[in-house]
Every structure is written in structure tokens, then in C-alpha cells.
């Protein structure tokens, strides 16, 4: 496992996920079902599936481009991600398509979380990180751990956890990290 890919993937996704719509979805699922363990396991499975697909897409995209072109594309992608993180997510309980109770808490969570992650910032971050690093497994495991670090406490601690986080500051830090990675990638492409 490539340690740098894992650490970078974990840290940027954990920071980017704070206050994200999927963290808000975690709070909604916890309030609706009040069964934390199947919710956390559902989040884990949905995230692994979603990020494995995103990681494979990132690896495939990197195989289509020359390294010089890929570096410029990744530089732009990381800078765009940094700017996108500064846009706060909003999610109302009415906006969430949580499947009916008959499906069970675990499967309802898997479906709702997988769909919520489609086209989300962390999915695009996983694509970009997998294209940047050669070890897709480290990226997928890192981004999944980052998601779990942000969402599992939200399930167990609920609104008390979410309301105490300085999400604006966390988003600024995450944006700075993504932009810095983008700038460093651009410098690498330039040299």
C-alpha cells in the first residue's frame, strides 16, 4: 500500500466531508432509524462501492492521457475541488430519498448513501486522487476511511456533534489543501 496516497486521501476527504450533504444524510438516517450500527455499516458498504467505481474511473482516465497532460488536468481538478468545497451543501430531510423501512435500515442506508455520493465532491476527489496516484487501492481505502471518520461520529453523536464543528474553518482548510495539491501538481507539470 502506498502510504502517501492513503494519508492524503484519508485527510482531504475527512476534511472535505465535514458539513457535506452526506454527513447531513448521516444525521437524518440516525434520527429516522435510531440504529447506529446498521447505518454505519451501510455507509461503509455504500462508500466502498462508490469509491471503488470512482477509483477505477480515475485509474482508467489516467491510462488514457500522457503524464504531462494528466498533470495539468489533475492540477485543474484539485484547484476546482478546493473552490467547490467552499460552497456549502444544504440537505433537507424532505430532499432525501430514503427507501421505505421494509428494506431494512442497512439496505436503506446503502441505497440512500450510494445515491447521495453520486456526483458528490468526495466522489470527484476519489477520481482525481486515483488518477494522481498509481495505487488505487490505497486511494479507495483512504477516501473510505476519511468518509467514515466524518460520518460515523455524526451517526453516533447526532446533532450535538455536527453543531459543534467549525465547518466553515474546516472547509477553508480542506480548500487550501486541495488548492495546494493542485498548485504542486501544476508546478510538477511545468517542470
C-alpha atoms as a PDB file:
ATOM      1  CA  UNK A   1       0.000   0.000   0.000  1.00  0.00           C
ATOM      2  CA  UNK A   2       1.308   3.433  -0.931  1.00  0.00           C
ATOM      3  CA  UNK A   3       1.411   5.360   2.343  1.00  0.00           C
ATOM      4  CA  UNK A   4       1.300   8.863   0.837  1.00  0.00           C
ATOM      5  CA  UNK A   5      -1.752   8.046  -1.309  1.00  0.00           C
ATOM      6  CA  UNK A   6      -3.545   6.609   1.725  1.00  0.00           C
ATOM      7  CA  UNK A   7      -2.721   9.512   4.059  1.00  0.00           C
ATOM      8  CA  UNK A   8      -3.543  12.236   1.542  1.00  0.00           C
ATOM      9  CA  UNK A   9      -6.768  10.503   0.510  1.00  0.00           C
ATOM     10  CA  UNK A  10      -7.884   9.999   4.106  1.00  0.00           C
ATOM     11  CA  UNK A  11      -7.106  13.510   5.275  1.00  0.00           C
ATOM     12  CA  UNK A  12      -8.529  15.506   2.379  1.00  0.00           C
ATOM     13  CA  UNK A  13     -11.764  13.504   2.260  1.00  0.00           C
ATOM     14  CA  UNK A  14     -12.233  13.605   6.043  1.00  0.00           C
ATOM     15  CA  UNK A  15     -11.890  17.387   5.958  1.00  0.00           C
ATOM     16  CA  UNK A  16     -13.945  17.838   2.799  1.00  0.00           C
ATOM     17  CA  UNK A  17     -16.752  15.696   4.206  1.00  0.00           C
ATOM     18  CA  UNK A  18     -17.337  17.891   7.271  1.00  0.00           C
ATOM     19  CA  UNK A  19     -20.678  19.602   6.720  1.00  0.00           C
ATOM     20  CA  UNK A  20     -21.122  17.847   3.376  1.00  0.00           C
ATOM     21  CA  UNK A  21     -24.549  16.612   2.284  1.00  0.00           C
ATOM     22  CA  UNK A  22     -23.642  13.009   3.057  1.00  0.00           C
ATOM     23  CA  UNK A  23     -22.738  13.960   6.625  1.00  0.00           C
ATOM     24  CA  UNK A  24     -26.117  15.638   6.853  1.00  0.00           C
ATOM     25  CA  UNK A  25     -27.670  12.472   5.414  1.00  0.00           C
ATOM     26  CA  UNK A  26     -25.949  10.505   8.182  1.00  0.00           C
ATOM     27  CA  UNK A  27     -27.645  12.732  10.752  1.00  0.00           C
ATOM     28  CA  UNK A  28     -31.028  12.268   9.067  1.00  0.00           C
ATOM     29  CA  UNK A  29     -30.646   8.479   8.909  1.00  0.00           C
ATOM     30  CA  UNK A  30     -29.601   8.381  12.572  1.00  0.00           C
ATOM     31  CA  UNK A  31     -32.602  10.464  13.607  1.00  0.00           C
ATOM     32  CA  UNK A  32     -35.024   8.459  11.471  1.00  0.00           C
ATOM     33  CA  UNK A  33     -33.899   4.916  12.310  1.00  0.00           C
ATOM     34  CA  UNK A  34     -32.055   5.241  15.656  1.00  0.00           C
ATOM     35  CA  UNK A  35     -29.981   2.127  14.863  1.00  0.00           C
ATOM     36  CA  UNK A  36     -26.376   3.324  14.554  1.00  0.00           C
ATOM     37  CA  UNK A  37     -24.588   0.048  13.767  1.00  0.00           C
ATOM     38  CA  UNK A  38     -26.540  -0.889  10.597  1.00  0.00           C
ATOM     39  CA  UNK A  39     -26.344   2.754   9.480  1.00  0.00           C
ATOM     40  CA  UNK A  40     -22.557   2.894   9.893  1.00  0.00           C
ATOM     41  CA  UNK A  41     -22.153  -0.475   8.136  1.00  0.00           C
ATOM     42  CA  UNK A  42     -24.439   0.730   5.332  1.00  0.00           C
ATOM     43  CA  UNK A  43     -22.356   3.896   4.949  1.00  0.00           C
ATOM     44  CA  UNK A  44     -19.195   1.769   4.810  1.00  0.00           C
ATOM     45  CA  UNK A  45     -20.553  -0.558   2.113  1.00  0.00           C
ATOM     46  CA  UNK A  46     -22.017   2.279   0.025  1.00  0.00           C
ATOM     47  CA  UNK A  47     -18.783   4.266   0.265  1.00  0.00           C
ATOM     48  CA  UNK A  48     -16.588   1.295  -0.652  1.00  0.00           C
ATOM     49  CA  UNK A  49     -18.761   0.577  -3.700  1.00  0.00           C
ATOM     50  CA  UNK A  50     -18.948   4.203  -4.794  1.00  0.00           C
ATOM     51  CA  UNK A  51     -15.265   4.929  -4.249  1.00  0.00           C
ATOM     52  CA  UNK A  52     -14.159   1.675  -5.885  1.00  0.00           C
ATOM     53  CA  UNK A  53     -16.049   2.737  -9.017  1.00  0.00           C
ATOM     54  CA  UNK A  54     -14.583   6.252  -8.762  1.00  0.00           C
ATOM     55  CA  UNK A  55     -11.076   4.857  -8.201  1.00  0.00           C
ATOM     56  CA  UNK A  56     -11.373   2.584 -11.224  1.00  0.00           C
ATOM     57  CA  UNK A  57     -12.585   5.535 -13.304  1.00  0.00           C
ATOM     58  CA  UNK A  58      -9.644   7.648 -12.140  1.00  0.00           C
ATOM     59  CA  UNK A  59      -7.164   4.893 -12.989  1.00  0.00           C
ATOM     60  CA  UNK A  60      -8.771   4.414 -16.400  1.00  0.00           C
ATOM     61  CA  UNK A  61      -8.679   8.156 -17.136  1.00  0.00           C
ATOM     62  CA  UNK A  62      -5.013   8.302 -16.181  1.00  0.00           C
ATOM     63  CA  UNK A  63      -4.273   5.457 -18.618  1.00  0.00           C
ATOM     64  CA  UNK A  64      -5.823   7.469 -21.459  1.00  0.00           C
ATOM     65  CA  UNK A  65      -3.626  10.545 -21.022  1.00  0.00           C
ATOM     66  CA  UNK A  66       0.044  11.232 -21.351  1.00  0.00           C
ATOM     67  CA  UNK A  67       1.590  12.052 -17.935  1.00  0.00           C
ATOM     68  CA  UNK A  68       2.179  15.680 -18.952  1.00  0.00           C
ATOM     69  CA  UNK A  69      -1.468  16.197 -19.897  1.00  0.00           C
ATOM     70  CA  UNK A  70      -2.686  14.252 -16.863  1.00  0.00           C
ATOM     71  CA  UNK A  71      -0.696  16.513 -14.526  1.00  0.00           C
ATOM     72  CA  UNK A  72      -2.356  19.627 -15.959  1.00  0.00           C
ATOM     73  CA  UNK A  73      -5.812  18.037 -15.799  1.00  0.00           C
ATOM     74  CA  UNK A  74      -5.213  16.940 -12.201  1.00  0.00           C
ATOM     75  CA  UNK A  75      -3.898  20.382 -11.242  1.00  0.00           C
ATOM     76  CA  UNK A  76      -7.081  21.966 -12.579  1.00  0.00           C
ATOM     77  CA  UNK A  77      -9.244  19.280 -10.930  1.00  0.00           C
ATOM     78  CA  UNK A  78      -7.678  19.757  -7.486  1.00  0.00           C
ATOM     79  CA  UNK A  79      -7.963  23.537  -7.679  1.00  0.00           C
ATOM     80  CA  UNK A  80     -11.604  23.208  -8.799  1.00  0.00           C
ATOM     81  CA  UNK A  81     -12.258  20.801  -5.898  1.00  0.00           C
ATOM     82  CA  UNK A  82     -10.750  23.316  -3.490  1.00  0.00           C
ATOM     83  CA  UNK A  83     -13.068  26.025  -4.746  1.00  0.00           C
ATOM     84  CA  UNK A  84     -16.085  23.666  -4.785  1.00  0.00           C
ATOM     85  CA  UNK A  85     -15.515  22.759  -1.122  1.00  0.00           C
ATOM     86  CA  UNK A  86     -16.090  26.409  -0.220  1.00  0.00           C
ATOM     87  CA  UNK A  87     -19.684  26.132  -1.497  1.00  0.00           C
ATOM     88  CA  UNK A  88     -21.742  24.883   1.466  1.00  0.00           C
ATOM     89  CA  UNK A  89     -24.055  21.923   0.991  1.00  0.00           C
ATOM     90  CA  UNK A  90     -27.670  22.052   2.083  1.00  0.00           C
ATOM     91  CA  UNK A  91     -29.819  18.994   2.595  1.00  0.00           C
ATOM     92  CA  UNK A  92     -33.343  18.962   3.958  1.00  0.00           C
ATOM     93  CA  UNK A  93     -34.955  15.785   5.213  1.00  0.00           C
ATOM     94  CA  UNK A  94     -37.633  16.238   2.540  1.00  0.00           C
ATOM     95  CA  UNK A  95     -34.922  16.191  -0.157  1.00  0.00           C
ATOM     96  CA  UNK A  96     -33.625  12.783   0.921  1.00  0.00           C
ATOM     97  CA  UNK A  97     -34.931   9.756  -0.922  1.00  0.00           C
ATOM     98  CA  UNK A  98     -34.575   7.282   1.929  1.00  0.00           C
ATOM     99  CA  UNK A  99     -36.091   3.936   0.975  1.00  0.00           C
ATOM    100  CA  UNK A 100     -39.010   2.519   2.935  1.00  0.00           C
ATOM    101  CA  UNK A 101     -38.495   0.702   6.230  1.00  0.00           C
ATOM    102  CA  UNK A 102     -39.335  -2.715   4.653  1.00  0.00           C
ATOM    103  CA  UNK A 103     -35.925  -2.637   3.032  1.00  0.00           C
ATOM    104  CA  UNK A 104     -34.251  -2.601   6.444  1.00  0.00           C
ATOM    105  CA  UNK A 105     -32.005   0.034   7.948  1.00  0.00           C
ATOM    106  CA  UNK A 106     -28.791  -1.375   6.453  1.00  0.00           C
ATOM    107  CA  UNK A 107     -30.052  -1.615   2.866  1.00  0.00           C
ATOM    108  CA  UNK A 108     -31.921   1.688   3.114  1.00  0.00           C
ATOM    109  CA  UNK A 109     -28.657   3.313   4.195  1.00  0.00           C
ATOM    110  CA  UNK A 110     -26.640   1.632   1.419  1.00  0.00           C
ATOM    111  CA  UNK A 111     -29.077   2.809  -1.254  1.00  0.00           C
ATOM    112  CA  UNK A 112     -29.542   6.342   0.102  1.00  0.00           C
ATOM    113  CA  UNK A 113     -25.839   6.897   0.755  1.00  0.00           C
ATOM    114  CA  UNK A 114     -24.674   5.419  -2.561  1.00  0.00           C
ATOM    115  CA  UNK A 115     -27.081   7.656  -4.484  1.00  0.00           C
ATOM    116  CA  UNK A 116     -26.169  10.726  -2.417  1.00  0.00           C
ATOM    117  CA  UNK A 117     -22.475  10.167  -3.181  1.00  0.00           C
ATOM    118  CA  UNK A 118     -23.041  10.087  -6.944  1.00  0.00           C
ATOM    119  CA  UNK A 119     -21.551  13.294  -8.320  1.00  0.00           C
ATOM    120  CA  UNK A 120     -20.527  14.459  -4.839  1.00  0.00           C
ATOM    121  CA  UNK A 121     -17.282  16.266  -4.056  1.00  0.00           C
ATOM    122  CA  UNK A 122     -15.723  13.233  -2.432  1.00  0.00           C
ATOM    123  CA  UNK A 123     -16.518  11.048  -5.439  1.00  0.00           C
ATOM    124  CA  UNK A 124     -14.752  13.519  -7.725  1.00  0.00           C
ATOM    125  CA  UNK A 125     -11.901  13.751  -5.221  1.00  0.00           C
ATOM    126  CA  UNK A 126     -11.557   9.964  -5.348  1.00  0.00           C
ATOM    127  CA  UNK A 127     -11.450  10.035  -9.151  1.00  0.00           C
ATOM    128  CA  UNK A 128      -8.769  12.741  -9.102  1.00  0.00           C
ATOM    129  CA  UNK A 129      -6.706  11.052  -6.380  1.00  0.00           C
ATOM    130  CA  UNK A 130      -6.865   7.677  -8.157  1.00  0.00           C
ATOM    131  CA  UNK A 131      -5.692   9.350 -11.362  1.00  0.00           C
ATOM    132  CA  UNK A 132      -2.901  11.082  -9.437  1.00  0.00           C
ATOM    133  CA  UNK A 133      -1.591   8.040  -7.543  1.00  0.00           C
ATOM    134  CA  UNK A 134      -0.795   4.663  -9.046  1.00  0.00           C
ATOM    135  CA  UNK A 135      -2.115   2.724  -6.030  1.00  0.00           C
ATOM    136  CA  UNK A 136      -5.899   2.844  -6.487  1.00  0.00           C
ATOM    137  CA  UNK A 137      -6.474   0.521  -3.528  1.00  0.00           C
ATOM    138  CA  UNK A 138      -4.706   2.947  -1.170  1.00  0.00           C
ATOM    139  CA  UNK A 139      -6.795   5.812  -2.529  1.00  0.00           C
ATOM    140  CA  UNK A 140     -10.099   3.933  -2.187  1.00  0.00           C
ATOM    141  CA  UNK A 141      -9.270   2.730   1.319  1.00  0.00           C
ATOM    142  CA  UNK A 142      -8.086   6.213   2.286  1.00  0.00           C
ATOM    143  CA  UNK A 143     -11.120   8.054   0.929  1.00  0.00           C
ATOM    144  CA  UNK A 144     -13.402   5.471   2.542  1.00  0.00           C
ATOM    145  CA  UNK A 145     -11.668   5.905   5.899  1.00  0.00           C
ATOM    146  CA  UNK A 146     -11.985   9.680   5.531  1.00  0.00           C
ATOM    147  CA  UNK A 147     -15.723   9.297   4.886  1.00  0.00           C
ATOM    148  CA  UNK A 148     -16.105   7.051   7.919  1.00  0.00           C
ATOM    149  CA  UNK A 149     -14.136   9.462  10.117  1.00  0.00           C
ATOM    150  CA  UNK A 150     -16.596  12.220   9.223  1.00  0.00           C
ATOM    151  CA  UNK A 151     -19.835  10.235   9.144  1.00  0.00           C
ATOM    152  CA  UNK A 152     -19.627   7.596  11.893  1.00  0.00           C
ATOM    153  CA  UNK A 153     -19.416  10.201  14.683  1.00  0.00           C
ATOM    154  CA  UNK A 154     -22.364  12.014  13.105  1.00  0.00           C
ATOM    155  CA  UNK A 155     -24.422   8.824  13.342  1.00  0.00           C
ATOM    156  CA  UNK A 156     -23.477   8.132  16.958  1.00  0.00           C
ATOM    157  CA  UNK A 157     -23.385  11.668  18.329  1.00  0.00           C
ATOM    158  CA  UNK A 158     -26.031  13.248  16.119  1.00  0.00           C
ATOM    159  CA  UNK A 159     -26.695  16.963  16.026  1.00  0.00           C
ATOM    160  CA  UNK A 160     -24.544  17.616  19.117  1.00  0.00           C
ATOM    161  CA  UNK A 161     -21.527  16.592  17.051  1.00  0.00           C
ATOM    162  CA  UNK A 162     -22.481  18.451  13.883  1.00  0.00           C
ATOM    163  CA  UNK A 163     -23.398  21.725  15.573  1.00  0.00           C
ATOM    164  CA  UNK A 164     -20.091  21.962  17.442  1.00  0.00           C
ATOM    165  CA  UNK A 165     -17.863  21.566  14.411  1.00  0.00           C
ATOM    166  CA  UNK A 166     -16.432  24.754  12.961  1.00  0.00           C
ATOM    167  CA  UNK A 167     -17.398  23.623   9.458  1.00  0.00           C
ATOM    168  CA  UNK A 168     -16.557  26.938   7.819  1.00  0.00           C
ATOM    169  CA  UNK A 169     -12.975  26.758   9.101  1.00  0.00           C
ATOM    170  CA  UNK A 170     -12.725  23.051   8.225  1.00  0.00           C
ATOM    171  CA  UNK A 171     -13.935  23.781   4.671  1.00  0.00           C
ATOM    172  CA  UNK A 172     -11.373  26.562   4.305  1.00  0.00           C
ATOM    173  CA  UNK A 173      -8.579  24.238   5.476  1.00  0.00           C
ATOM    174  CA  UNK A 174      -9.748  21.497   3.086  1.00  0.00           C
ATOM    175  CA  UNK A 175      -9.966  24.015   0.232  1.00  0.00           C
ATOM    176  CA  UNK A 176      -6.441  25.225   0.947  1.00  0.00           C
ATOM    177  CA  UNK A 177      -5.154  21.633   0.935  1.00  0.00           C
ATOM    178  CA  UNK A 178      -6.865  20.817  -2.384  1.00  0.00           C
ATOM    179  CA  UNK A 179      -5.639  24.054  -3.985  1.00  0.00           C
ATOM    180  CA  UNK A 180      -2.115  23.435  -2.659  1.00  0.00           C
ATOM    181  CA  UNK A 181      -2.156  19.930  -4.153  1.00  0.00           C
ATOM    182  CA  UNK A 182      -3.361  21.480  -7.421  1.00  0.00           C
ATOM    183  CA  UNK A 183      -0.608  24.098  -7.409  1.00  0.00           C
ATOM    184  CA  UNK A 184       2.058  21.499  -6.597  1.00  0.00           C
ATOM    185  CA  UNK A 185       0.728  19.299  -9.397  1.00  0.00           C
ATOM    186  CA  UNK A 186       0.855  22.276 -11.780  1.00  0.00           C
ATOM    187  CA  UNK A 187       4.458  23.003 -10.755  1.00  0.00           C
ATOM    188  CA  UNK A 188       5.260  19.324 -11.360  1.00  0.00           C
ATOM    189  CA  UNK A 189       3.640  19.573 -14.801  1.00  0.00           C
ATOM    190  CA  UNK A 190       5.552  22.768 -15.586  1.00  0.00           C
ATOM    191  CA  UNK A 191       8.940  21.285 -14.704  1.00  0.00           C
END
